[in-house]
């Protein structure tokens, strides 16, 4: 198999061809072009240098990756009968060129002949210095995870309306509809270069598109910044705990703020239960603040780096989802949960029932009892049907009444029977697929709402609640319940 030279044609006109590229063009070897839709191809035509273009493959395949794979296969076949062949691509072979990536993955004799990419003339057009941060991504596979608001962004391969529309939606969600970006057409092609500064919402309203169309997104100016990412939050926390920052933030430790994690988690759950989207956003931010706080404390103390937290999480997600990342077949969601627990316990060398129960973190009593019962059920210690737990609740309630009659309120034995009753109710809720912690919190909120109704009504009647009889308050309570049904 012969050697394959991969040559960059530069971003535009013939004068941007390198001496190395011209030497290969005039080498007398067979020439193959990924596409002839490039201004530098005029050099071949003016000097009557023959070439073969692979544009026909674009018309035969629906997916671009299939096109690139076929081009690579064709080049491999051509190199089998030649000592050397030349393969030409637009710009720089190592910038946004999928066929070159695929060729380099093969065990082939390859030499790269560099060329100027579209990046240099593009940054000249927009007047931005890449030293302050520049990221280049492929518009054909663009998604929100590729965005970094703290560096400039070039989105290339935005050659049709569909891609422009998809890019617009993603950018709008992050930067906002009115954020200005640059559309650059034919960067490096003398006489045809176009630069247009427009708000994001106009991105897909262009009539003219093409293979040399790219988007330049300037990073968000820190002086007018209203959008922030995880790195920004880490930076803010570093300032708060640094010299000249906040004295309260600076003196906190893992221990001093540990209870805030629980509090913020409950506030997130409360916002979810109230279906308050704005509050969910705010409370999730408060919960994230606790994560950032602990990460910054650990970094300062030399305990671990923030990236270790995200890496540990990512590795755990990948390890515990082999049905997604390793193509292991899973039948249903129950099997997913079983497999998750199996992998988790295997990594921690947990095998027995008591080991699993002891591995349950410190939680409120209702949640702990729920999880303990789940672990017991995993080894088969569970009711056969719903009748068992219903009868058990009735049995434990009667035992509470008996203990109350025998020993009176406040006795430890009554306390024990109340605990048994609560445990039985948790078991019933588990088998009814109801989380008792969430159910009880919902009832608490409902009760408080009814109390507010009673208090408001009592003020209308100009009678304080504490001056009402129990019967009068019960009437207001029942009215509050009826109002919920309206």
Protein backbone atom coordinates (compact mmCIF):
# COMPACT_ATOMS: atom_id res chain seq x y z
CA UNK A 1 0.00 0.00 0.00
CA UNK A 2 1.39 3.39 -1.04
CA UNK A 3 1.85 6.56 0.92
CA UNK A 4 -1.03 9.02 1.26
CA UNK A 5 -0.20 12.71 1.37
CA UNK A 6 -2.99 14.76 2.94
CA UNK A 7 -2.77 18.34 1.76
CA UNK A 8 -4.55 21.42 3.03
CA UNK A 9 -5.87 23.75 0.32
CA UNK A 10 -6.15 26.72 2.67
CA UNK A 11 -9.32 28.70 3.37
CA UNK A 12 -9.80 30.39 0.03
CA UNK A 13 -7.96 31.80 -2.98
CA UNK A 14 -4.96 30.29 -4.75
CA UNK A 15 -2.47 32.71 -3.20
CA UNK A 16 -3.16 31.11 0.18
CA UNK A 17 -1.83 27.75 -1.02
CA UNK A 18 1.43 26.85 0.72
CA UNK A 19 4.58 26.01 -1.22
CA UNK A 20 4.25 22.47 0.12
CA UNK A 21 0.74 22.17 -1.29
CA UNK A 22 1.82 23.47 -4.71
CA UNK A 23 4.73 21.01 -4.73
CA UNK A 24 2.34 18.10 -4.20
CA UNK A 25 -0.12 19.41 -6.81
CA UNK A 26 2.70 19.49 -9.37
CA UNK A 27 4.24 16.17 -8.24
CA UNK A 28 2.66 14.19 -11.06
CA UNK A 29 0.92 11.84 -8.60
CA UNK A 30 -2.79 11.09 -8.68
CA UNK A 31 -4.83 13.80 -7.04
CA UNK A 32 -8.05 13.23 -5.08
CA UNK A 33 -10.24 16.02 -3.70
CA UNK A 34 -12.82 15.63 -0.98
CA UNK A 35 -14.73 18.37 -2.80
CA UNK A 36 -14.03 20.54 -5.81
CA UNK A 37 -16.28 23.26 -4.40
CA UNK A 38 -13.31 25.27 -3.22
CA UNK A 39 -11.67 28.40 -4.74
CA UNK A 40 -8.15 26.91 -4.72
CA UNK A 41 -9.23 24.23 -7.19
CA UNK A 42 -8.81 26.88 -9.88
CA UNK A 43 -5.07 26.27 -9.59
CA UNK A 44 -5.60 22.71 -10.87
CA UNK A 45 -7.77 23.96 -13.74
CA UNK A 46 -5.43 26.77 -14.79
CA UNK A 47 -2.47 24.39 -14.94
CA UNK A 48 -4.42 21.51 -16.53
CA UNK A 49 -3.64 19.22 -13.61
CA UNK A 50 -6.07 16.26 -13.48
CA UNK A 51 -7.90 15.30 -10.29
CA UNK A 52 -10.81 13.21 -9.06
CA UNK A 53 -13.44 14.70 -6.76
CA UNK A 54 -15.52 12.75 -4.25
CA UNK A 55 -18.50 15.10 -4.48
CA UNK A 56 -20.52 12.31 -6.10
CA UNK A 57 -20.46 10.35 -2.83
CA UNK A 58 -22.28 13.21 -1.07
CA UNK A 59 -25.21 12.67 -3.46
CA UNK A 60 -25.33 8.91 -2.82
CA UNK A 61 -25.45 8.89 1.00
CA UNK A 62 -27.92 10.39 3.48
CA UNK A 63 -25.57 10.67 6.47
CA UNK A 64 -22.33 12.68 6.35
CA UNK A 65 -20.45 10.12 8.41
CA UNK A 66 -21.31 7.48 5.81
CA UNK A 67 -19.90 9.82 3.16
CA UNK A 68 -16.63 10.21 5.04
CA UNK A 69 -16.29 6.47 5.63
CA UNK A 70 -16.79 5.76 1.93
CA UNK A 71 -14.21 8.40 0.94
CA UNK A 72 -11.65 6.78 3.25
CA UNK A 73 -12.39 3.35 1.76
CA UNK A 74 -11.93 4.74 -1.76
CA UNK A 75 -8.61 6.34 -0.83
CA UNK A 76 -7.34 3.09 0.68
CA UNK A 77 -8.19 1.25 -2.54
CA UNK A 78 -6.47 3.86 -4.67
CA UNK A 79 -3.31 3.72 -2.53
CA UNK A 80 -3.03 -0.06 -2.98
CA UNK A 81 -1.93 0.31 -6.60
CA UNK A 82 0.11 3.50 -6.31
CA UNK A 83 3.43 4.38 -4.69
CA UNK A 84 2.00 7.73 -3.61
CA UNK A 85 -1.33 9.52 -3.86
CA UNK A 86 -2.40 13.05 -2.94
CA UNK A 87 -5.61 13.76 -1.01
CA UNK A 88 -6.72 17.39 -0.75
CA UNK A 89 -9.07 18.92 1.81
CA UNK A 90 -10.19 22.53 2.41
CA UNK A 91 -8.31 24.58 5.00
CA UNK A 92 -5.96 22.77 7.36
CA UNK A 93 -6.16 18.94 7.31
CA UNK A 94 -6.18 18.81 11.10
CA UNK A 95 -8.97 21.35 11.60
CA UNK A 96 -12.61 20.21 11.35
CA UNK A 97 -11.83 17.45 8.84
CA UNK A 98 -13.54 14.14 9.64
CA UNK A 99 -12.04 12.17 6.73
CA UNK A 100 -8.55 12.98 8.01
CA UNK A 101 -9.51 11.79 11.49
CA UNK A 102 -10.67 8.49 10.02
CA UNK A 103 -7.54 8.08 7.91
CA UNK A 104 -5.29 8.71 10.90
CA UNK A 105 -7.11 5.96 12.80
CA UNK A 106 -6.04 3.48 10.12
CA UNK A 107 -2.63 1.80 10.00
CA UNK A 108 -1.53 3.74 6.93
CA UNK A 109 1.59 5.56 5.73
CA UNK A 110 0.40 9.16 5.93
CA UNK A 111 2.09 12.55 5.73
CA UNK A 112 0.32 15.82 6.45
CA UNK A 113 1.05 18.87 4.30
CA UNK A 114 -0.37 21.72 6.30
CA UNK A 115 -2.40 24.65 5.08
CA UNK A 116 -3.97 27.76 6.55
CA UNK A 117 -7.31 27.02 8.19
CA UNK A 118 -10.43 29.18 8.01
CA UNK A 119 -9.77 30.26 11.60
CA UNK A 120 -7.08 32.88 10.88
CA UNK A 121 -9.07 34.90 8.30
CA UNK A 122 -12.19 34.53 10.45
CA UNK A 123 -10.65 36.07 13.58
CA UNK A 124 -9.20 38.83 11.39
CA UNK A 125 -12.68 39.61 10.09
CA UNK A 126 -14.28 39.82 13.55
CA UNK A 127 -11.23 41.47 15.13
CA UNK A 128 -10.92 39.10 18.09
CA UNK A 129 -7.65 37.91 19.66
CA UNK A 130 -7.78 34.14 20.39
CA UNK A 131 -5.26 34.52 23.22
CA UNK A 132 -8.23 35.36 25.46
CA UNK A 133 -9.79 31.96 24.79
CA UNK A 134 -11.24 30.33 21.68
CA UNK A 135 -13.18 27.10 21.21
CA UNK A 136 -14.05 25.56 17.83
CA UNK A 137 -16.94 23.12 17.46
CA UNK A 138 -18.81 21.31 14.69
CA UNK A 139 -22.25 22.75 14.01
CA UNK A 140 -23.49 19.46 12.57
CA UNK A 141 -23.24 17.81 16.02
CA UNK A 142 -23.57 20.94 18.16
CA UNK A 143 -25.15 20.66 21.63
CA UNK A 144 -25.34 22.76 24.78
CA UNK A 145 -22.50 20.88 26.52
CA UNK A 146 -20.08 22.27 23.92
CA UNK A 147 -20.74 25.86 24.98
CA UNK A 148 -18.28 27.71 27.20
CA UNK A 149 -19.54 31.22 27.90
CA UNK A 150 -16.13 32.32 29.15
CA UNK A 151 -14.32 31.92 25.82
CA UNK A 152 -15.07 32.87 22.22
CA UNK A 153 -16.80 30.16 20.21
CA UNK A 154 -16.54 29.31 16.51
CA UNK A 155 -19.27 27.04 15.20
CA UNK A 156 -18.26 25.68 11.83
CA UNK A 157 -20.07 23.39 9.36
CA UNK A 158 -23.26 25.49 9.61
CA UNK A 159 -24.00 25.01 5.95
CA UNK A 160 -27.82 24.82 5.84
CA UNK A 161 -30.99 26.24 7.41
CA UNK A 162 -31.69 23.16 9.53
CA UNK A 163 -28.32 23.36 11.30
CA UNK A 164 -28.66 27.11 11.75
CA UNK A 165 -32.08 26.64 13.37
CA UNK A 166 -30.80 23.99 15.76
CA UNK A 167 -27.78 26.10 16.70
CA UNK A 168 -30.02 29.13 17.22
CA UNK A 169 -32.24 27.29 19.72
CA UNK A 170 -29.26 26.13 21.79
CA UNK A 171 -27.53 29.52 21.79
CA UNK A 172 -30.78 31.32 22.67
CA UNK A 173 -31.29 29.15 25.74
CA UNK A 174 -27.83 30.10 27.03
CA UNK A 175 -27.03 33.60 25.76
CA UNK A 176 -30.55 34.94 25.15
CA UNK A 177 -32.32 35.87 21.90
CA UNK A 178 -30.80 39.35 21.64
CA UNK A 179 -27.15 38.42 22.15
CA UNK A 180 -25.11 39.52 19.11
CA UNK A 181 -23.02 37.01 17.15
CA UNK A 182 -21.15 37.12 13.85
CA UNK A 183 -22.07 35.21 10.73
CA UNK A 184 -19.01 34.82 8.53
CA UNK A 185 -19.27 33.61 4.96
CA UNK A 186 -16.29 32.63 2.74
CA UNK A 187 -13.56 33.56 5.22
CA UNK A 188 -10.30 33.83 3.28
CA UNK A 189 -11.97 33.99 -0.17
CA UNK A 190 -10.94 37.35 -1.61
CA UNK A 191 -13.87 39.43 -2.81
CA UNK A 192 -16.49 37.09 -1.37
CA UNK A 193 -15.93 37.45 2.36
CA UNK A 194 -19.00 38.56 4.30
CA UNK A 195 -19.36 39.43 7.96
CA UNK A 196 -22.74 40.08 9.54
CA UNK A 197 -23.34 40.98 13.20
CA UNK A 198 -26.86 39.95 14.19
CA UNK A 199 -28.85 38.91 17.29
CA UNK A 200 -29.15 35.17 17.81
CA UNK A 201 -32.87 35.06 17.04
CA UNK A 202 -32.12 36.04 13.42
CA UNK A 203 -29.61 33.24 12.82
CA UNK A 204 -31.89 31.04 10.69
CA UNK A 205 -33.43 33.90 8.70
CA UNK A 206 -30.61 34.00 6.19
CA UNK A 207 -31.41 33.19 2.61
CA UNK A 208 -27.80 32.48 1.61
CA UNK A 209 -26.04 29.49 3.19
CA UNK A 210 -23.15 27.32 2.08
CA UNK A 211 -20.19 25.13 3.04
CA UNK A 212 -18.04 28.12 4.07
CA UNK A 213 -20.53 29.62 6.53
CA UNK A 214 -19.53 29.77 10.22
CA UNK A 215 -20.78 31.48 13.38
CA UNK A 216 -18.54 33.43 15.75
CA UNK A 217 -19.92 33.80 19.28
CA UNK A 218 -17.98 36.28 21.47
CA UNK A 219 -17.60 35.33 25.11
CA UNK A 220 -19.87 37.11 27.57
CA UNK A 221 -18.35 40.38 28.79
CA UNK A 222 -17.64 39.99 32.50
CA UNK A 223 -18.64 43.62 33.09
CA UNK A 224 -22.23 43.07 31.90
CA UNK A 225 -22.51 39.41 32.75
CA UNK A 226 -25.93 38.00 33.60
CA UNK A 227 -25.28 34.37 32.64
CA UNK A 228 -22.90 32.21 34.69
CA UNK A 229 -21.69 28.60 34.57
CA UNK A 230 -20.19 26.21 37.12
CA UNK A 231 -16.68 27.65 36.75
CA UNK A 232 -18.04 31.13 37.39
CA UNK A 233 -19.67 29.98 40.62
CA UNK A 234 -16.42 28.33 41.74
CA UNK A 235 -14.63 31.62 40.98
CA UNK A 236 -17.15 33.64 42.99
CA UNK A 237 -16.81 31.29 45.95
CA UNK A 238 -13.02 31.61 45.77
CA UNK A 239 -13.37 35.40 45.98
CA UNK A 240 -15.82 35.17 48.88
CA UNK A 241 -13.41 33.01 50.90
CA UNK A 242 -10.31 34.90 49.85
CA UNK A 243 -8.57 38.01 51.15
CA UNK A 244 -11.00 40.92 51.16
CA UNK A 245 -13.97 38.55 50.76
CA UNK A 246 -16.77 37.68 53.16
CA UNK A 247 -15.71 37.04 56.75
CA UNK A 248 -18.59 34.62 57.38
CA UNK A 249 -17.89 32.56 54.24
CA UNK A 250 -14.15 32.50 54.98
CA UNK A 251 -14.51 30.91 58.42
CA UNK A 252 -16.86 28.08 57.42
CA UNK A 253 -15.77 24.42 57.49
CA UNK A 254 -17.23 21.12 56.30
CA UNK A 255 -18.71 20.62 59.77
CA UNK A 256 -20.12 24.12 60.23
CA UNK A 257 -22.26 24.04 57.08
CA UNK A 258 -23.12 20.34 56.90
CA UNK A 259 -26.70 20.88 58.12
CA UNK A 260 -27.28 23.38 55.31
CA UNK A 261 -27.09 20.52 52.82
CA UNK A 262 -30.07 18.81 54.43
CA UNK A 263 -32.02 22.05 54.72
CA UNK A 264 -31.44 23.03 51.09
CA UNK A 265 -32.31 19.53 49.85
CA UNK A 266 -35.64 19.72 51.68
CA UNK A 267 -36.33 23.13 50.19
CA UNK A 268 -35.76 21.72 46.70
CA UNK A 269 -38.24 18.93 47.43
CA UNK A 270 -40.75 21.46 48.76
CA UNK A 271 -40.43 23.54 45.58
CA UNK A 272 -40.96 20.40 43.48
CA UNK A 273 -44.03 19.43 45.51
CA UNK A 274 -45.45 22.92 44.96
CA UNK A 275 -44.67 22.69 41.23
CA UNK A 276 -43.04 26.11 41.53
CA UNK A 277 -40.57 26.15 38.64
CA UNK A 278 -39.01 29.51 39.52
CA UNK A 279 -38.49 28.34 43.08
CA UNK A 280 -37.08 25.00 41.89
CA UNK A 281 -34.44 26.95 39.93
CA UNK A 282 -33.59 29.07 42.97
CA UNK A 283 -33.50 26.16 45.41
CA UNK A 284 -31.40 23.98 43.11
CA UNK A 285 -28.97 26.90 42.97
CA UNK A 286 -28.87 27.01 46.77
CA UNK A 287 -28.21 23.26 46.85
CA UNK A 288 -25.46 23.64 44.24
CA UNK A 289 -23.96 26.39 46.40
CA UNK A 290 -23.43 23.82 49.15
CA UNK A 291 -21.57 21.54 46.73
CA UNK A 292 -19.41 24.44 45.54
CA UNK A 293 -18.81 25.56 49.15
CA UNK A 294 -17.52 22.12 50.18
CA UNK A 295 -15.41 21.84 47.00
CA UNK A 296 -13.72 25.18 47.67
CA UNK A 297 -13.08 24.34 51.32
CA UNK A 298 -11.54 21.01 50.30
CA UNK A 299 -9.39 22.68 47.63
CA UNK A 300 -8.03 25.20 50.14
CA UNK A 301 -7.30 22.46 52.66
CA UNK A 302 -5.56 20.29 50.05
CA UNK A 303 -8.13 17.51 50.47
CA UNK A 304 -9.25 17.21 46.86
CA UNK A 305 -9.78 19.20 43.66
CA UNK A 306 -13.30 20.09 42.42
CA UNK A 307 -12.68 18.07 39.25
CA UNK A 308 -12.33 14.95 41.41
CA UNK A 309 -15.98 15.36 42.44
CA UNK A 310 -17.27 15.63 38.87
CA UNK A 311 -14.93 12.82 37.73
CA UNK A 312 -16.07 10.51 40.54
CA UNK A 313 -19.69 11.18 39.63
CA UNK A 314 -19.12 10.63 35.90
CA UNK A 315 -17.20 7.40 36.47
CA UNK A 316 -19.92 6.15 38.83
CA UNK A 317 -22.68 6.91 36.31
CA UNK A 318 -20.80 5.11 33.55
CA UNK A 319 -19.91 2.12 35.75
CA UNK A 320 -23.46 1.69 37.04
CA UNK A 321 -25.10 2.01 33.62
CA UNK A 322 -23.49 -0.80 31.59
CA UNK A 323 -26.78 -1.16 29.68
CA UNK A 324 -26.13 2.32 28.25
CA UNK A 325 -22.35 2.60 27.97
CA UNK A 326 -21.40 -1.07 27.43
CA UNK A 327 -24.48 -2.23 25.51
CA UNK A 328 -25.43 -4.76 28.20
CA UNK A 329 -29.09 -5.66 27.69
CA UNK A 330 -31.55 -4.66 30.42
CA UNK A 331 -35.22 -5.61 30.12
CA UNK A 332 -37.01 -3.06 32.34
CA UNK A 333 -36.56 -0.30 34.93
CA UNK A 334 -36.75 -2.73 37.87
CA UNK A 335 -33.77 -4.60 36.47
CA UNK A 336 -31.93 -1.28 36.08
CA UNK A 337 -32.40 -0.57 39.81
CA UNK A 338 -31.34 -4.11 40.72
CA UNK A 339 -28.24 -3.88 38.56
CA UNK A 340 -27.37 -0.43 40.00
CA UNK A 341 -27.50 -1.78 43.56
CA UNK A 342 -25.55 -4.91 42.62
CA UNK A 343 -22.73 -2.86 41.10
CA UNK A 344 -22.76 -0.39 44.01
CA UNK A 345 -22.53 -3.10 46.67
CA UNK A 346 -19.95 -5.07 44.69
CA UNK A 347 -17.60 -2.10 44.53
CA UNK A 348 -17.96 -1.52 48.28
CA UNK A 349 -17.59 -5.23 49.11
CA UNK A 350 -21.07 -5.31 50.68
CA UNK A 351 -22.74 -8.71 50.56
CA UNK A 352 -24.94 -9.41 53.60
CA UNK A 353 -28.32 -7.90 54.52
CA UNK A 354 -27.03 -6.13 57.64
CA UNK A 355 -24.09 -4.71 55.66
CA UNK A 356 -26.59 -3.22 53.22
CA UNK A 357 -28.72 -1.80 56.03
CA UNK A 358 -25.69 -0.33 57.78
CA UNK A 359 -24.77 1.31 54.46
CA UNK A 360 -27.98 3.37 54.54
CA UNK A 361 -26.99 6.99 55.28
CA UNK A 362 -28.36 8.90 58.26
CA UNK A 363 -31.83 10.02 57.19
CA UNK A 364 -35.09 11.10 58.87
CA UNK A 365 -36.81 8.18 60.61
CA UNK A 366 -39.59 7.74 58.02
CA UNK A 367 -37.10 7.53 55.15
CA UNK A 368 -34.79 5.22 57.09
CA UNK A 369 -37.59 2.79 57.94
CA UNK A 370 -38.69 2.83 54.30
CA UNK A 371 -35.18 1.92 53.10
CA UNK A 372 -34.66 -0.74 55.81
CA UNK A 373 -37.89 -2.43 54.71
CA UNK A 374 -36.75 -2.26 51.08
CA UNK A 375 -33.54 -4.11 51.97
CA UNK A 376 -35.48 -6.76 53.88
CA UNK A 377 -37.79 -7.19 50.88
CA UNK A 378 -34.77 -7.78 48.62
CA UNK A 379 -34.06 -11.05 50.47
CA UNK A 380 -37.73 -12.07 50.34
CA UNK A 381 -38.81 -10.92 53.82
CA UNK A 382 -41.97 -9.14 52.69
CA UNK A 383 -45.74 -9.44 52.47
CA UNK A 384 -47.29 -11.56 49.72
CA UNK A 385 -50.09 -9.04 49.09
CA UNK A 386 -51.51 -5.75 50.36
CA UNK A 387 -53.85 -7.45 52.87
CA UNK A 388 -50.94 -8.31 55.18
CA UNK A 389 -49.73 -4.73 55.82
CA UNK A 390 -53.31 -3.44 56.11
CA UNK A 391 -54.07 -6.00 58.82
CA UNK A 392 -50.73 -5.16 60.47
CA UNK A 393 -51.65 -1.47 60.71
CA UNK A 394 -54.96 -2.42 62.32
CA UNK A 395 -53.20 -4.78 64.74
CA UNK A 396 -50.61 -2.16 65.77
CA UNK A 397 -53.30 0.49 66.24
CA UNK A 398 -55.19 -1.78 68.64
CA UNK A 399 -51.96 -2.42 70.56
CA UNK A 400 -51.47 1.33 70.92
CA UNK A 401 -54.96 1.62 72.44
CA UNK A 402 -54.31 -1.29 74.79
CA UNK A 403 -50.98 0.17 75.95
CA UNK A 404 -52.58 3.56 76.44
CA UNK A 405 -55.31 2.02 78.59
CA UNK A 406 -52.82 -0.03 80.65
CA UNK A 407 -50.00 2.49 81.10
CA UNK A 408 -51.24 5.97 80.15
CA UNK A 409 -49.71 8.60 77.87
CA UNK A 410 -46.00 9.29 78.04
CA UNK A 411 -45.09 5.75 79.04
CA UNK A 412 -42.15 4.12 77.20
CA UNK A 413 -44.31 1.13 76.34
CA UNK A 414 -46.84 3.40 74.63
CA UNK A 415 -43.97 5.05 72.79
CA UNK A 416 -42.87 1.62 71.58
CA UNK A 417 -46.34 0.77 70.29
CA UNK A 418 -46.59 4.13 68.51
CA UNK A 419 -43.25 3.33 66.84
CA UNK A 420 -44.59 -0.06 65.74
CA UNK A 421 -47.70 1.62 64.31
CA UNK A 422 -45.62 4.13 62.35
CA UNK A 423 -43.36 1.36 61.06
CA UNK A 424 -46.43 -0.58 59.89
CA UNK A 425 -47.82 2.50 58.13
CA UNK A 426 -44.48 2.99 56.36
CA UNK A 427 -44.61 -0.64 55.23
CA UNK A 428 -48.12 -0.13 53.86
CA UNK A 429 -47.06 3.02 52.01
CA UNK A 430 -44.06 1.19 50.51
CA UNK A 431 -46.27 -1.55 49.09
CA UNK A 432 -48.64 1.12 47.74
CA UNK A 433 -45.63 2.77 46.01
CA UNK A 434 -45.98 5.90 48.14
CA UNK A 435 -42.99 7.63 49.73
CA UNK A 436 -44.09 8.25 53.35
CA UNK A 437 -41.77 11.23 53.84
CA UNK A 438 -43.24 13.01 50.83
CA UNK A 439 -46.78 11.99 51.78
CA UNK A 440 -46.42 13.31 55.33
CA UNK A 441 -44.85 16.58 54.18
CA UNK A 442 -47.75 17.06 51.76
CA UNK A 443 -50.24 16.50 54.57
CA UNK A 444 -48.38 18.98 56.79
CA UNK A 445 -48.59 21.64 54.08
CA UNK A 446 -52.26 20.86 53.56
CA UNK A 447 -52.95 21.16 57.29
CA UNK A 448 -51.11 24.50 57.51
CA UNK A 449 -53.08 25.79 54.53
CA UNK A 450 -56.34 24.88 56.29
CA UNK A 451 -55.18 26.56 59.47
CA UNK A 452 -54.50 29.73 57.48
CA UNK A 453 -58.01 29.57 56.05
CA UNK A 454 -59.40 29.22 59.58
CA UNK A 455 -57.34 32.15 60.84
CA UNK A 456 -58.40 34.36 57.90
CA UNK A 457 -62.06 33.45 58.47
CA UNK A 458 -61.80 34.12 62.19
CA UNK A 459 -60.47 37.60 61.44
CA UNK A 460 -63.44 38.22 59.14
CA UNK A 461 -65.72 37.18 61.99
CA UNK A 462 -63.69 39.37 64.34
CA UNK A 463 -63.16 36.43 66.69
CA UNK A 464 -59.69 35.13 67.56
CA UNK A 465 -59.16 31.41 67.06
CA UNK A 466 -58.14 30.95 70.68
CA UNK A 467 -61.50 32.40 71.75
CA UNK A 468 -63.51 29.94 69.66
CA UNK A 469 -64.91 26.67 70.89
CA UNK A 470 -63.55 23.44 69.46
CA UNK A 471 -66.86 22.92 67.65
CA UNK A 472 -66.64 26.39 66.05
CA UNK A 473 -63.08 25.71 64.89
CA UNK A 474 -64.12 22.31 63.50
CA UNK A 475 -66.80 24.04 61.40
CA UNK A 476 -64.14 26.34 59.91
CA UNK A 477 -61.82 23.37 59.34
CA UNK A 478 -64.48 21.47 57.41
CA UNK A 479 -65.19 24.59 55.35
CA UNK A 480 -61.46 24.79 54.51
CA UNK A 481 -61.58 21.19 53.31
CA UNK A 482 -64.61 21.95 51.11
CA UNK A 483 -62.81 24.93 49.60
CA UNK A 484 -60.01 22.60 48.41
CA UNK A 485 -62.51 20.66 46.34
CA UNK A 486 -63.89 23.71 44.53
